[in-house]
C-alpha atoms as a PDB file:
ATOM      1  CA  MET A   1     -31.426 -30.715  13.656  1.00  0.00           C
ATOM      2  CA  ARG A   2     -30.088 -32.015  10.336  1.00  0.00           C
ATOM      3  CA  PHE A   3     -30.372 -28.526   8.807  1.00  0.00           C
ATOM      4  CA  MET A   4     -28.521 -26.998  11.757  1.00  0.00           C
ATOM      5  CA  LEU A   5     -25.706 -29.549  11.436  1.00  0.00           C
ATOM      6  CA  LEU A   6     -25.369 -28.940   7.675  1.00  0.00           C
ATOM      7  CA  PHE A   7     -25.464 -25.196   8.216  1.00  0.00           C
ATOM      8  CA  THR A   8     -22.756 -25.408  10.903  1.00  0.00           C
ATOM      9  CA  MET A   9     -20.587 -27.637   8.705  1.00  0.00           C
ATOM     10  CA  SER A  10     -21.016 -25.201   5.795  1.00  0.00           C
ATOM     11  CA  ILE A  11     -19.906 -22.314   7.957  1.00  0.00           C
ATOM     12  CA  LEU A  12     -16.884 -24.275   9.210  1.00  0.00           C
ATOM     13  CA  CYS A  13     -15.906 -25.207   5.650  1.00  0.00           C
ATOM     14  CA  LEU A  14     -16.272 -21.595   4.574  1.00  0.00           C
ATOM     15  CA  VAL A  15     -14.163 -20.313   7.465  1.00  0.00           C
ATOM     16  CA  THR A  16     -11.513 -23.002   6.936  1.00  0.00           C
ATOM     17  CA  GLY A  17     -11.449 -22.295   3.193  1.00  0.00           C
ATOM     18  CA  ASN A  18     -11.016 -18.562   3.768  1.00  0.00           C
ATOM     19  CA  ALA A  19      -8.221 -19.148   6.279  1.00  0.00           C
ATOM     20  CA  GLN A  20      -6.382 -21.293   3.747  1.00  0.00           C
ATOM     21  CA  ILE A  21      -6.865 -18.742   0.988  1.00  0.00           C
ATOM     22  CA  ASN A  22      -5.708 -15.889   3.205  1.00  0.00           C
ATOM     23  CA  GLU A  23      -2.659 -17.738   4.530  1.00  0.00           C
ATOM     24  CA  SER A  24      -1.504 -18.998   1.134  1.00  0.00           C
ATOM     25  CA  SER A  25      -2.074 -15.662  -0.594  1.00  0.00           C
ATOM     26  CA  SER A  26      -0.446 -13.454   2.033  1.00  0.00           C
ATOM     27  CA  LEU A  27       2.373 -11.149   1.061  1.00  0.00           C
ATOM     28  CA  PRO A  28       5.608 -13.199   1.067  1.00  0.00           C
ATOM     29  CA  GLU A  29       8.114 -11.866   3.588  1.00  0.00           C
ATOM     30  CA  ILE A  30      11.762 -11.387   2.657  1.00  0.00           C
ATOM     31  CA  GLU A  31      14.806 -10.201   4.569  1.00  0.00           C
ATOM     32  CA  PHE A  32      15.572  -6.470   4.460  1.00  0.00           C
ATOM     33  CA  SER A  33      18.919  -7.248   2.826  1.00  0.00           C
ATOM     34  CA  GLN A  34      17.104  -8.998  -0.057  1.00  0.00           C
ATOM     35  CA  LEU A  35      15.027  -5.942  -1.057  1.00  0.00           C
ATOM     36  CA  SER A  36      15.823  -4.499  -4.477  1.00  0.00           C
ATOM     37  CA  GLN A  37      16.046  -1.004  -2.956  1.00  0.00           C
ATOM     38  CA  ARG A  38      17.216  -0.544   0.642  1.00  0.00           C
ATOM     39  CA  ASP A  39      17.670   3.191   0.926  1.00  0.00           C
ATOM     40  CA  PRO A  40      14.672   4.485   2.894  1.00  0.00           C
ATOM     41  CA  ASN A  41      14.152   8.199   3.282  1.00  0.00           C
ATOM     42  CA  PRO A  42      15.104   9.774   6.662  1.00  0.00           C
ATOM     43  CA  LEU A  43      11.573   9.402   8.027  1.00  0.00           C
ATOM     44  CA  GLY A  44      11.541   5.748   6.935  1.00  0.00           C
ATOM     45  CA  GLU A  45      14.869   5.150   8.660  1.00  0.00           C
ATOM     46  CA  LYS A  46      13.470   6.556  11.905  1.00  0.00           C
ATOM     47  CA  ALA A  47      10.351   4.388  11.619  1.00  0.00           C
ATOM     48  CA  LEU A  48      12.348   1.215  10.948  1.00  0.00           C
ATOM     49  CA  ALA A  49      14.563   1.973  13.969  1.00  0.00           C
ATOM     50  CA  ILE A  50      11.549   1.759  16.306  1.00  0.00           C
ATOM     51  CA  HIS A  51      11.281  -1.880  17.400  1.00  0.00           C
ATOM     52  CA  PRO A  52      13.340  -3.139  14.428  1.00  0.00           C
ATOM     53  CA  GLU A  53      12.776  -6.770  15.458  1.00  0.00           C
ATOM     54  CA  GLN A  54       9.042  -6.410  14.707  1.00  0.00           C
ATOM     55  CA  TRP A  55       9.384  -5.137  11.139  1.00  0.00           C
ATOM     56  CA  LYS A  56       8.803  -7.491   8.234  1.00  0.00           C
ATOM     57  CA  HIS A  57       9.557  -6.661   4.617  1.00  0.00           C
ATOM     58  CA  ALA A  58       8.081  -7.652   1.281  1.00  0.00           C
ATOM     59  CA  GLU A  59       8.282  -6.658  -2.347  1.00  0.00           C
ATOM     60  CA  THR A  60       5.804  -6.912  -5.204  1.00  0.00           C
ATOM     61  CA  GLU A  61       6.430  -6.123  -8.846  1.00  0.00           C
ATOM     62  CA  HIS A  62       6.194  -2.363  -8.295  1.00  0.00           C
ATOM     63  CA  PHE A  63       6.335  -1.669  -4.547  1.00  0.00           C
ATOM     64  CA  ILE A  64       8.336  -2.361  -1.393  1.00  0.00           C
ATOM     65  CA  TYR A  65       6.505  -2.809   1.924  1.00  0.00           C
ATOM     66  CA  HIS A  66       7.660  -2.528   5.523  1.00  0.00           C
ATOM     67  CA  PHE A  67       5.034  -3.813   7.935  1.00  0.00           C
ATOM     68  CA  VAL A  68       4.379  -5.520  11.238  1.00  0.00           C
ATOM     69  CA  HIS A  69       1.281  -7.584  10.363  1.00  0.00           C
ATOM     70  CA  SER A  70       0.898  -9.376   7.029  1.00  0.00           C
ATOM     71  CA  TYR A  71      -2.905  -9.339   7.361  1.00  0.00           C
ATOM     72  CA  VAL A  72      -2.688  -5.538   7.061  1.00  0.00           C
ATOM     73  CA  ALA A  73       0.001  -5.407   4.355  1.00  0.00           C
ATOM     74  CA  THR A  74      -1.470  -8.064   2.044  1.00  0.00           C
ATOM     75  CA  PRO A  75      -4.722  -6.282   1.107  1.00  0.00           C
ATOM     76  CA  ILE A  76      -2.826  -3.002   0.808  1.00  0.00           C
ATOM     77  CA  SER A  77      -0.385  -4.612  -1.626  1.00  0.00           C
ATOM     78  CA  VAL A  78      -3.278  -5.915  -3.729  1.00  0.00           C
ATOM     79  CA  GLU A  79      -4.849  -2.446  -3.844  1.00  0.00           C
ATOM     80  CA  ALA A  80      -1.542  -0.745  -4.642  1.00  0.00           C
ATOM     81  CA  GLU A  81      -0.810  -3.067  -7.574  1.00  0.00           C
ATOM     82  CA  PHE A  82      -4.365  -2.585  -8.860  1.00  0.00           C
ATOM     83  CA  HIS A  83      -4.072   1.203  -8.813  1.00  0.00           C
ATOM     84  CA  TYR A  84      -0.612   1.038 -10.372  1.00  0.00           C
ATOM     85  CA  ARG A  85      -2.108  -0.898 -13.292  1.00  0.00           C
ATOM     86  CA  VAL A  86      -4.912   1.672 -13.642  1.00  0.00           C
ATOM     87  CA  VAL A  87      -2.423   4.558 -13.842  1.00  0.00           C
ATOM     88  CA  ALA A  88      -0.097   2.661 -16.210  1.00  0.00           C
ATOM     89  CA  LYS A  89      -2.987   1.762 -18.548  1.00  0.00           C
ATOM     90  CA  GLU A  90      -4.176   5.364 -18.686  1.00  0.00           C
ATOM     91  CA  ILE A  91      -0.685   6.602 -19.551  1.00  0.00           C
ATOM     92  CA  GLU A  92      -0.360   3.867 -22.182  1.00  0.00           C
ATOM     93  CA  ARG A  93      -3.786   4.795 -23.617  1.00  0.00           C
ATOM     94  CA  GLU A  94      -2.729   8.417 -24.033  1.00  0.00           C
ATOM     95  CA  GLN A  95       0.533   7.422 -25.701  1.00  0.00           C
ATOM     96  CA  SER A  96      -0.899   4.778 -28.047  1.00  0.00           C
ATOM     97  CA  ALA A  97      -3.801   7.025 -29.151  1.00  0.00           C
ATOM     98  CA  GLY A  98      -1.473   9.969 -29.757  1.00  0.00           C
ATOM     99  CA  LEU A  99      -3.442  12.102 -27.310  1.00  0.00           C
ATOM    100  CA  HIS A 100      -2.091  15.140 -25.506  1.00  0.00           C
ATOM    101  CA  PRO A 101      -0.425  13.735 -22.343  1.00  0.00           C
ATOM    102  CA  ASP A 102      -2.686  15.490 -19.817  1.00  0.00           C
ATOM    103  CA  PHE A 103      -2.891  12.539 -17.420  1.00  0.00           C
ATOM    104  CA  THR A 104       0.794  11.682 -17.904  1.00  0.00           C
ATOM    105  CA  ASN A 105       1.783  15.266 -17.073  1.00  0.00           C
ATOM    106  CA  GLU A 106      -0.424  15.286 -13.951  1.00  0.00           C
ATOM    107  CA  VAL A 107       1.220  12.082 -12.686  1.00  0.00           C
ATOM    108  CA  ALA A 108       4.703  13.419 -13.520  1.00  0.00           C
ATOM    109  CA  ALA A 109       3.939  16.618 -11.569  1.00  0.00           C
ATOM    110  CA  MET A 110       3.499  14.510  -8.397  1.00  0.00           C
ATOM    111  CA  ILE A 111       7.068  13.205  -8.671  1.00  0.00           C
ATOM    112  CA  PRO A 112       9.506  15.932  -7.560  1.00  0.00           C
ATOM    113  CA  GLU A 113      12.664  14.674  -9.284  1.00  0.00           C
ATOM    114  CA  ALA A 114      13.817  12.053 -11.759  1.00  0.00           C
ATOM    115  CA  GLY A 115      14.488   8.694 -10.158  1.00  0.00           C
ATOM    116  CA  TRP A 116      12.340   9.416  -7.112  1.00  0.00           C
ATOM    117  CA  GLN A 117      10.043   6.470  -6.546  1.00  0.00           C
ATOM    118  CA  ALA A 118       7.913   6.920  -3.430  1.00  0.00           C
ATOM    119  CA  VAL A 119       4.796   8.738  -4.607  1.00  0.00           C
ATOM    120  CA  MET A 120       2.491   8.046  -1.679  1.00  0.00           C
ATOM    121  CA  PRO A 121       3.916   6.579   1.514  1.00  0.00           C
ATOM    122  CA  PHE A 122       1.368   5.971   4.252  1.00  0.00           C
ATOM    123  CA  ARG A 123       1.304   4.346   7.630  1.00  0.00           C
ATOM    124  CA  ILE A 124      -1.201   2.210   9.489  1.00  0.00           C
ATOM    125  CA  GLY A 125      -1.120   1.640  13.214  1.00  0.00           C
ATOM    126  CA  TYR A 126      -1.113   3.569  16.394  1.00  0.00           C
ATOM    127  CA  PRO A 127       1.223   6.479  17.211  1.00  0.00           C
ATOM    128  CA  ILE A 128       4.093   5.854  19.579  1.00  0.00           C
ATOM    129  CA  VAL A 129       5.667   9.290  19.084  1.00  0.00           C
ATOM    130  CA  ASP A 130       4.103  12.686  18.438  1.00  0.00           C
ATOM    131  CA  ALA A 131       3.438  13.378  14.764  1.00  0.00           C
ATOM    132  CA  LEU A 132       4.867  16.393  12.978  1.00  0.00           C
ATOM    133  CA  GLU A 133       2.485  19.304  12.665  1.00  0.00           C
ATOM    134  CA  SER A 134       0.603  19.277   9.364  1.00  0.00           C
ATOM    135  CA  PRO A 135       1.553  21.987   6.849  1.00  0.00           C
ATOM    136  CA  ARG A 136      -2.020  21.969   5.541  1.00  0.00           C
ATOM    137  CA  ARG A 137      -4.328  24.863   6.205  1.00  0.00           C
ATOM    138  CA  PRO A 138      -7.730  24.402   7.834  1.00  0.00           C
ATOM    139  CA  ALA A 139     -10.604  23.856   5.376  1.00  0.00           C
ATOM    140  CA  GLU A 140     -12.316  27.094   6.432  1.00  0.00           C
ATOM    141  CA  ASP A 141      -9.255  29.040   5.219  1.00  0.00           C
ATOM    142  CA  VAL A 142      -9.506  27.661   1.676  1.00  0.00           C
ATOM    143  CA  VAL A 143     -13.238  27.009   1.069  1.00  0.00           C
ATOM    144  CA  VAL A 144     -14.898  29.645  -1.083  1.00  0.00           C
ATOM    145  CA  ARG A 145     -18.529  30.295  -0.257  1.00  0.00           C
ATOM    146  CA  SER A 146     -20.810  32.149  -2.612  1.00  0.00           C
END
């Protein structure tokens, strides 16, 4: 009985501790008007117009987020900042070592024009309108078999 009580209390402490950590470390929400960049692309404008009262906004050092649930946006923001640092360190490594900028050129090729900042927008949730047809070809059209 004593073991069961200690075990139950340990689980409750663990759950309570995690709830506190998650709540205090969640992505801080800010008003749309307070974002450093407020000019979404046309697709972003359409998305933000759907149930605009539900959208929340946040900004980290390198990214701007539009989301409905902070428990979804927070881990994504952590991952995005991590991967940003990985890319930035690799570019810095090439530059500081005087290497040919292979990685830098590959990253630059993903950005269509100077000043364009959204490299990889993505969405999480359920569809409420039909998606646009994908321009990608089926795998069987591009896979080479020997």
